Amino acid sequence: MQRNTTSYIVAGLGVIVTLIGWYVGDLWGAGIMGFGLAHILLGILDMFRPAVKATTE
């Protein structure tokens, strides 16, 4: 799987988790939403990370 595809999957799961937190509401929902928003942020940041080539010696 390509790196960019993984980033989209992580961000997409973050959207789903954030929506679940929205519907749960209350204090639990706030925690779940924060977890989902963190996944969205990390997925987006991973898209802009430069690729590093591995060298073997």
PDB file of N, CA and C in Angstrom:
ATOM      1  N   MET A   1       0.847  -1.177   0.000  1.00  0.00           N
ATOM      2  CA  MET A   1       0.000   0.000   0.000  1.00  0.00           C
ATOM      3  C   MET A   1       0.888   1.234   0.000  1.00  0.00           C
ATOM      4  N   GLN A   2       0.516   2.207  -0.796  1.00  0.00           N
ATOM      5  CA  GLN A   2       1.324   3.414  -0.882  1.00  0.00           C
ATOM      6  C   GLN A   2       1.140   4.284   0.356  1.00  0.00           C
ATOM      7  N   ARG A   3       2.121   5.141   0.586  1.00  0.00           N
ATOM      8  CA  ARG A   3       2.108   6.001   1.770  1.00  0.00           C
ATOM      9  C   ARG A   3       0.916   6.949   1.746  1.00  0.00           C
ATOM     10  N   ASN A   4       0.588   7.504   0.589  1.00  0.00           N
ATOM     11  CA  ASN A   4      -0.505   8.453   0.496  1.00  0.00           C
ATOM     12  C   ASN A   4      -1.848   7.770   0.762  1.00  0.00           C
ATOM     13  N   THR A   5      -1.995   6.532   0.331  1.00  0.00           N
ATOM     14  CA  THR A   5      -3.223   5.788   0.574  1.00  0.00           C
ATOM     15  C   THR A   5      -3.418   5.572   2.069  1.00  0.00           C
ATOM     16  N   THR A   6      -2.372   5.249   2.764  1.00  0.00           N
ATOM     17  CA  THR A   6      -2.449   5.069   4.214  1.00  0.00           C
ATOM     18  C   THR A   6      -2.866   6.362   4.898  1.00  0.00           C
ATOM     19  N   SER A   7      -2.376   7.486   4.430  1.00  0.00           N
ATOM     20  CA  SER A   7      -2.742   8.775   5.008  1.00  0.00           C
ATOM     21  C   SER A   7      -4.229   9.043   4.840  1.00  0.00           C
ATOM     22  N   TYR A   8      -4.766   8.734   3.666  1.00  0.00           N
ATOM     23  CA  TYR A   8      -6.198   8.927   3.434  1.00  0.00           C
ATOM     24  C   TYR A   8      -7.035   8.003   4.319  1.00  0.00           C
ATOM     25  N   ILE A   9      -6.579   6.789   4.525  1.00  0.00           N
ATOM     26  CA  ILE A   9      -7.307   5.845   5.374  1.00  0.00           C
ATOM     27  C   ILE A   9      -7.333   6.340   6.814  1.00  0.00           C
ATOM     28  N   VAL A  10      -6.191   6.805   7.309  1.00  0.00           N
ATOM     29  CA  VAL A  10      -6.118   7.317   8.686  1.00  0.00           C
ATOM     30  C   VAL A  10      -7.024   8.534   8.851  1.00  0.00           C
ATOM     31  N   ALA A  11      -6.988   9.455   7.891  1.00  0.00           N
ATOM     32  CA  ALA A  11      -7.836  10.648   7.970  1.00  0.00           C
ATOM     33  C   ALA A  11      -9.313  10.273   7.861  1.00  0.00           C
ATOM     34  N   GLY A  12      -9.628   9.325   6.996  1.00  0.00           N
ATOM     35  CA  GLY A  12     -11.021   8.882   6.848  1.00  0.00           C
ATOM     36  C   GLY A  12     -11.561   8.219   8.103  1.00  0.00           C
ATOM     37  N   LEU A  13     -10.750   7.383   8.726  1.00  0.00           N
ATOM     38  CA  LEU A  13     -11.169   6.780   9.997  1.00  0.00           C
ATOM     39  C   LEU A  13     -11.327   7.836  11.079  1.00  0.00           C
ATOM     40  N   GLY A  14     -10.494   8.871  11.021  1.00  0.00           N
ATOM     41  CA  GLY A  14     -10.627   9.973  11.966  1.00  0.00           C
ATOM     42  C   GLY A  14     -11.959  10.691  11.815  1.00  0.00           C
ATOM     43  N   VAL A  15     -12.403  10.854  10.573  1.00  0.00           N
ATOM     44  CA  VAL A  15     -13.712  11.484  10.332  1.00  0.00           C
ATOM     45  C   VAL A  15     -14.826  10.627  10.922  1.00  0.00           C
ATOM     46  N   ILE A  16     -14.740   9.317  10.717  1.00  0.00           N
ATOM     47  CA  ILE A  16     -15.766   8.407  11.247  1.00  0.00           C
ATOM     48  C   ILE A  16     -15.793   8.454  12.771  1.00  0.00           C
ATOM     49  N   VAL A  17     -14.621   8.396  13.395  1.00  0.00           N
ATOM     50  CA  VAL A  17     -14.552   8.421  14.859  1.00  0.00           C
ATOM     51  C   VAL A  17     -15.053   9.761  15.395  1.00  0.00           C
ATOM     52  N   THR A  18     -14.724  10.858  14.698  1.00  0.00           N
ATOM     53  CA  THR A  18     -15.195  12.173  15.126  1.00  0.00           C
ATOM     54  C   THR A  18     -16.717  12.248  15.070  1.00  0.00           C
ATOM     55  N   LEU A  19     -17.321  11.699  14.020  1.00  0.00           N
ATOM     56  CA  LEU A  19     -18.779  11.701  13.925  1.00  0.00           C
ATOM     57  C   LEU A  19     -19.419  10.844  15.009  1.00  0.00           C
ATOM     58  N   ILE A  20     -18.787   9.736  15.337  1.00  0.00           N
ATOM     59  CA  ILE A  20     -19.303   8.899  16.424  1.00  0.00           C
ATOM     60  C   ILE A  20     -19.267   9.687  17.733  1.00  0.00           C
ATOM     61  N   GLY A  21     -18.183  10.395  17.979  1.00  0.00           N
ATOM     62  CA  GLY A  21     -18.083  11.215  19.181  1.00  0.00           C
ATOM     63  C   GLY A  21     -19.118  12.319  19.210  1.00  0.00           C
ATOM     64  N   TRP A  22     -19.423  12.892  18.044  1.00  0.00           N
ATOM     65  CA  TRP A  22     -20.432  13.943  17.950  1.00  0.00           C
ATOM     66  C   TRP A  22     -21.803  13.407  18.378  1.00  0.00           C
ATOM     67  N   TYR A  23     -22.136  12.191  17.911  1.00  0.00           N
ATOM     68  CA  TYR A  23     -23.442  11.618  18.226  1.00  0.00           C
ATOM     69  C   TYR A  23     -23.522  11.100  19.654  1.00  0.00           C
ATOM     70  N   VAL A  24     -22.408  10.688  20.236  1.00  0.00           N
ATOM     71  CA  VAL A  24     -22.417  10.213  21.622  1.00  0.00           C
ATOM     72  C   VAL A  24     -22.685  11.380  22.561  1.00  0.00           C
ATOM     73  N   GLY A  25     -22.032  12.505  22.304  1.00  0.00           N
ATOM     74  CA  GLY A  25     -22.239  13.696  23.125  1.00  0.00           C
ATOM     75  C   GLY A  25     -21.627  13.542  24.506  1.00  0.00           C
ATOM     76  N   ASP A  26     -21.884  14.508  25.372  1.00  0.00           N
ATOM     77  CA  ASP A  26     -21.425  14.523  26.757  1.00  0.00           C
ATOM     78  C   ASP A  26     -19.892  14.461  26.845  1.00  0.00           C
ATOM     79  N   LEU A  27     -19.377  14.047  27.976  1.00  0.00           N
ATOM     80  CA  LEU A  27     -17.928  14.031  28.200  1.00  0.00           C
ATOM     81  C   LEU A  27     -17.252  12.905  27.411  1.00  0.00           C
ATOM     82  N   TRP A  28     -17.901  11.762  27.312  1.00  0.00           N
ATOM     83  CA  TRP A  28     -17.342  10.657  26.527  1.00  0.00           C
ATOM     84  C   TRP A  28     -17.217  11.052  25.058  1.00  0.00           C
ATOM     85  N   GLY A  29     -18.229  11.732  24.565  1.00  0.00           N
ATOM     86  CA  GLY A  29     -18.211  12.157  23.174  1.00  0.00           C
ATOM     87  C   GLY A  29     -17.085  13.137  22.891  1.00  0.00           C
ATOM     88  N   ALA A  30     -16.808  14.012  23.851  1.00  0.00           N
ATOM     89  CA  ALA A  30     -15.716  14.967  23.672  1.00  0.00           C
ATOM     90  C   ALA A  30     -14.373  14.247  23.566  1.00  0.00           C
ATOM     91  N   GLY A  31     -14.181  13.227  24.376  1.00  0.00           N
ATOM     92  CA  GLY A  31     -12.942  12.444  24.306  1.00  0.00           C
ATOM     93  C   GLY A  31     -12.818  11.690  23.003  1.00  0.00           C
ATOM     94  N   ILE A  32     -13.926  11.104  22.559  1.00  0.00           N
ATOM     95  CA  ILE A  32     -13.916  10.355  21.298  1.00  0.00           C
ATOM     96  C   ILE A  32     -13.671  11.307  20.128  1.00  0.00           C
ATOM     97  N   MET A  33     -14.299  12.488  20.172  1.00  0.00           N
ATOM     98  CA  MET A  33     -14.075  13.475  19.111  1.00  0.00           C
ATOM     99  C   MET A  33     -12.623  13.938  19.067  1.00  0.00           C
ATOM    100  N   GLY A  34     -12.023  14.145  20.219  1.00  0.00           N
ATOM    101  CA  GLY A  34     -10.620  14.543  20.263  1.00  0.00           C
ATOM    102  C   GLY A  34      -9.715  13.488  19.661  1.00  0.00           C
ATOM    103  N   PHE A  35     -10.017  12.231  19.940  1.00  0.00           N
ATOM    104  CA  PHE A  35      -9.253  11.125  19.370  1.00  0.00           C
ATOM    105  C   PHE A  35      -9.392  11.103  17.852  1.00  0.00           C
ATOM    106  N   GLY A  36     -10.606  11.319  17.361  1.00  0.00           N
ATOM    107  CA  GLY A  36     -10.840  11.341  15.921  1.00  0.00           C
ATOM    108  C   GLY A  36     -10.162  12.524  15.251  1.00  0.00           C
ATOM    109  N   LEU A  37     -10.248  13.703  15.885  1.00  0.00           N
ATOM    110  CA  LEU A  37      -9.609  14.883  15.319  1.00  0.00           C
ATOM    111  C   LEU A  37      -8.091  14.729  15.276  1.00  0.00           C
ATOM    112  N   ALA A  38      -7.528  14.055  16.263  1.00  0.00           N
ATOM    113  CA  ALA A  38      -6.080  13.799  16.249  1.00  0.00           C
ATOM    114  C   ALA A  38      -5.703  12.912  15.064  1.00  0.00           C
ATOM    115  N   HIS A  39      -6.538  11.920  14.753  1.00  0.00           N
ATOM    116  CA  HIS A  39      -6.258  11.058  13.605  1.00  0.00           C
ATOM    117  C   HIS A  39      -6.359  11.832  12.288  1.00  0.00           C
ATOM    118  N   ILE A  40      -7.331  12.724  12.199  1.00  0.00           N
ATOM    119  CA  ILE A  40      -7.445  13.542  10.990  1.00  0.00           C
ATOM    120  C   ILE A  40      -6.183  14.386  10.826  1.00  0.00           C
ATOM    121  N   LEU A  41      -5.762  15.037  11.887  1.00  0.00           N
ATOM    122  CA  LEU A  41      -4.573  15.887  11.835  1.00  0.00           C
ATOM    123  C   LEU A  41      -3.327  15.075  11.461  1.00  0.00           C
ATOM    124  N   LEU A  42      -3.152  13.914  12.086  1.00  0.00           N
ATOM    125  CA  LEU A  42      -1.974  13.100  11.780  1.00  0.00           C
ATOM    126  C   LEU A  42      -2.002  12.560  10.355  1.00  0.00           C
ATOM    127  N   GLY A  43      -3.183  12.205   9.858  1.00  0.00           N
ATOM    128  CA  GLY A  43      -3.296  11.741   8.482  1.00  0.00           C
ATOM    129  C   GLY A  43      -2.934  12.832   7.483  1.00  0.00           C
ATOM    130  N   ILE A  44      -3.401  14.059   7.752  1.00  0.00           N
ATOM    131  CA  ILE A  44      -3.099  15.180   6.859  1.00  0.00           C
ATOM    132  C   ILE A  44      -1.616  15.536   6.922  1.00  0.00           C
ATOM    133  N   LEU A  45      -1.051  15.555   8.124  1.00  0.00           N
ATOM    134  CA  LEU A  45       0.377  15.862   8.249  1.00  0.00           C
ATOM    135  C   LEU A  45       1.233  14.808   7.553  1.00  0.00           C
ATOM    136  N   ASP A  46       0.807  13.553   7.591  1.00  0.00           N
ATOM    137  CA  ASP A  46       1.561  12.482   6.944  1.00  0.00           C
ATOM    138  C   ASP A  46       1.565  12.647   5.427  1.00  0.00           C
ATOM    139  N   MET A  47       0.514  13.258   4.880  1.00  0.00           N
ATOM    140  CA  MET A  47       0.469  13.477   3.429  1.00  0.00           C
ATOM    141  C   MET A  47       1.558  14.443   2.973  1.00  0.00           C
ATOM    142  N   PHE A  48       1.934  15.378   3.827  1.00  0.00           N
ATOM    143  CA  PHE A  48       2.916  16.397   3.439  1.00  0.00           C
ATOM    144  C   PHE A  48       4.335  16.057   3.882  1.00  0.00           C
ATOM    145  N   ARG A  49       4.528  14.921   4.515  1.00  0.00           N
ATOM    146  CA  ARG A  49       5.860  14.512   4.951  1.00  0.00           C
ATOM    147  C   ARG A  49       6.675  14.077   3.741  1.00  0.00           C
ATOM    148  N   PRO A  50       7.907  14.522   3.627  1.00  0.00           N
ATOM    149  CA  PRO A  50       8.716  14.115   2.482  1.00  0.00           C
ATOM    150  C   PRO A  50       9.093  12.631   2.567  1.00  0.00           C
ATOM    151  N   ALA A  51       9.147  12.013   1.416  1.00  0.00           N
ATOM    152  CA  ALA A  51       9.513  10.593   1.360  1.00  0.00           C
ATOM    153  C   ALA A  51      11.006  10.434   1.619  1.00  0.00           C
ATOM    154  N   VAL A  52      11.362   9.422   2.376  1.00  0.00           N
ATOM    155  CA  VAL A  52      12.771   9.140   2.678  1.00  0.00           C
ATOM    156  C   VAL A  52      13.111   7.801   2.036  1.00  0.00           C
ATOM    157  N   LYS A  53      14.154   7.804   1.218  1.00  0.00           N
ATOM    158  CA  LYS A  53      14.583   6.565   0.574  1.00  0.00           C
ATOM    159  C   LYS A  53      15.488   5.795   1.511  1.00  0.00           C
ATOM    160  N   ALA A  54      15.212   4.520   1.649  1.00  0.00           N
ATOM    161  CA  ALA A  54      16.041   3.666   2.500  1.00  0.00           C
ATOM    162  C   ALA A  54      17.256   3.192   1.704  1.00  0.00           C
ATOM    163  N   THR A  55      18.411   3.283   2.309  1.00  0.00           N
ATOM    164  CA  THR A  55      19.626   2.805   1.666  1.00  0.00           C
ATOM    165  C   THR A  55      20.134   1.581   2.423  1.00  0.00           C
ATOM    166  N   THR A  56      20.595   0.615   1.686  1.00  0.00           N
ATOM    167  CA  THR A  56      21.153  -0.583   2.293  1.00  0.00           C
ATOM    168  C   THR A  56      22.633  -0.672   1.944  1.00  0.00           C
ATOM    169  N   GLU A  57      23.426  -0.914   2.930  1.00  0.00           N
ATOM    170  CA  GLU A  57      24.873  -1.020   2.709  1.00  0.00           C
ATOM    171  C   GLU A  57      25.368  -2.339   3.193  1.00  0.00           C
TER     172      GLU A  57
END
